[in-house]
Amino acid sequence: MIKILDYLTLFSAASFFFFGCACFLAPQMLLEFKRYGLAKYRKLVGILQLLGSIGLCLGLLYEPKLQLSAAIGLTVLMLLGFLVRLKIKDSVIQSAPSLIYAVLNATIVYLMLFS
């Protein structure tokens, strides 16, 4: 039986696979990272998102410690993204996705540790 933790993990993994690929393939992502003042970190962020996605999937299938580590890493990455959005004075709507994904991955961490 699939648990809520599995659904959250799969949703996060799919999202970050998409986001990670977009960092390399979507021209608008280059513009966004320039707007953030972080253009030189775009590829690193994409790699971290792809690694987080892979870590969530492999962890779900084989090694829970890997799933936990990936969820922690993605939580931190998204909290940093949220702080960047606040620093550049983005609107609540523009800032919300990074915070929502930070909470989503923090929820995965919580469920893994306390369920």
Protein backbone atom coordinates (compact mmCIF):
# COMPACT_ATOMS: atom_id res chain seq x y z
CA MET A 1 0.00 0.00 0.00
CA ILE A 2 1.36 3.42 -0.97
CA LYS A 3 1.69 5.86 1.93
CA ILE A 4 1.34 9.63 1.87
CA LEU A 5 5.13 9.79 2.28
CA ASP A 6 5.51 7.92 -1.01
CA TYR A 7 3.16 10.30 -2.83
CA LEU A 8 4.92 13.38 -1.46
CA THR A 9 8.30 11.92 -2.36
CA LEU A 10 7.26 11.05 -5.91
CA PHE A 11 5.66 14.46 -6.43
CA SER A 12 8.78 16.25 -5.17
CA ALA A 13 11.08 14.02 -7.23
CA ALA A 14 9.10 14.64 -10.42
CA SER A 15 8.97 18.38 -9.76
CA PHE A 16 12.69 18.68 -9.15
CA PHE A 17 13.50 16.55 -12.18
CA PHE A 18 11.51 19.05 -14.24
CA PHE A 19 13.05 22.08 -12.50
CA GLY A 20 16.57 20.67 -12.83
CA CYS A 21 16.13 20.03 -16.55
CA ALA A 22 14.66 23.51 -16.98
CA CYS A 23 17.83 25.03 -15.52
CA PHE A 24 19.71 23.63 -18.50
CA LEU A 25 17.11 23.81 -21.25
CA ALA A 26 14.74 26.73 -20.65
CA PRO A 27 15.98 30.15 -21.82
CA GLN A 28 13.70 31.88 -19.30
CA MET A 29 15.62 30.19 -16.47
CA LEU A 30 18.80 31.96 -17.57
CA LEU A 31 16.90 35.25 -17.43
CA GLU A 32 15.52 34.43 -13.98
CA PHE A 33 18.94 33.55 -12.56
CA LYS A 34 20.31 36.81 -14.00
CA ARG A 35 17.46 38.64 -12.28
CA TYR A 36 18.40 36.93 -9.01
CA GLY A 37 22.02 37.99 -9.49
CA LEU A 38 23.00 34.30 -9.53
CA ALA A 39 23.55 33.52 -13.22
CA LYS A 40 26.82 31.71 -12.53
CA TYR A 41 25.02 29.30 -10.16
CA ARG A 42 22.23 28.24 -12.56
CA LYS A 43 23.91 25.00 -13.65
CA LEU A 44 24.91 24.13 -10.08
CA VAL A 45 21.32 24.62 -8.92
CA GLY A 46 20.11 22.46 -11.82
CA ILE A 47 22.55 19.70 -10.89
CA LEU A 48 21.50 19.88 -7.22
CA GLN A 49 17.85 19.67 -8.19
CA LEU A 50 18.48 16.66 -10.43
CA LEU A 51 20.56 14.96 -7.75
CA GLY A 52 17.81 15.66 -5.21
CA SER A 53 15.23 14.13 -7.53
CA ILE A 54 17.34 11.04 -8.13
CA GLY A 55 18.12 10.75 -4.42
CA LEU A 56 14.44 10.85 -3.51
CA CYS A 57 13.61 8.12 -6.03
CA LEU A 58 16.52 5.84 -5.23
CA GLY A 59 15.99 6.39 -1.54
CA LEU A 60 12.32 5.49 -1.83
CA LEU A 61 13.21 2.29 -3.68
CA TYR A 62 16.40 1.17 -1.96
CA GLU A 63 17.84 3.26 0.86
CA PRO A 64 15.76 5.49 3.14
CA LYS A 65 18.87 7.37 4.34
CA LEU A 66 19.41 8.56 0.78
CA GLN A 67 15.77 9.68 0.57
CA LEU A 68 16.17 11.54 3.87
CA SER A 69 19.41 13.19 2.76
CA ALA A 70 17.88 14.28 -0.54
CA ALA A 71 14.82 15.73 1.20
CA ILE A 72 17.03 17.66 3.64
CA GLY A 73 19.13 18.99 0.77
CA LEU A 74 16.10 20.08 -1.22
CA THR A 75 14.61 21.74 1.87
CA VAL A 76 17.78 23.78 2.34
CA LEU A 77 18.00 24.60 -1.37
CA MET A 78 14.42 25.86 -1.43
CA LEU A 79 14.82 27.86 1.78
CA LEU A 80 17.82 29.57 0.19
CA GLY A 81 15.74 30.18 -2.93
CA PHE A 82 13.01 31.73 -0.80
CA LEU A 83 15.54 34.00 0.90
CA VAL A 84 16.86 35.13 -2.49
CA ARG A 85 13.30 35.95 -3.53
CA LEU A 86 12.83 38.02 -0.38
CA LYS A 87 16.16 39.79 -0.91
CA ILE A 88 15.23 40.88 -4.44
CA LYS A 89 11.78 41.89 -3.19
CA ASP A 90 9.71 39.49 -5.26
CA SER A 91 5.98 39.38 -4.60
CA VAL A 92 4.33 36.79 -2.39
CA ILE A 93 3.08 34.97 -5.51
CA GLN A 94 6.59 34.84 -6.98
CA SER A 95 8.13 33.72 -3.67
CA ALA A 96 5.50 31.15 -2.67
CA PRO A 97 6.66 28.18 -4.78
CA SER A 98 10.11 28.04 -3.18
CA LEU A 99 8.57 28.18 0.29
CA ILE A 100 5.95 25.56 -0.59
CA TYR A 101 8.62 23.18 -1.90
CA ALA A 102 10.74 23.82 1.21
CA VAL A 103 7.74 22.89 3.39
CA LEU A 104 6.97 19.86 1.20
CA ASN A 105 10.48 18.48 1.59
CA ALA A 106 10.59 19.37 5.28
CA THR A 107 7.37 17.36 5.62
CA ILE A 108 9.08 14.39 3.96
CA VAL A 109 11.92 14.72 6.47
CA TYR A 110 9.47 14.96 9.36
CA LEU A 111 7.48 11.92 8.24
CA MET A 112 10.64 9.89 7.77
CA LEU A 113 11.95 10.75 11.22
CA PHE A 114 8.77 10.72 13.28
CA SER A 115 6.34 8.31 11.63
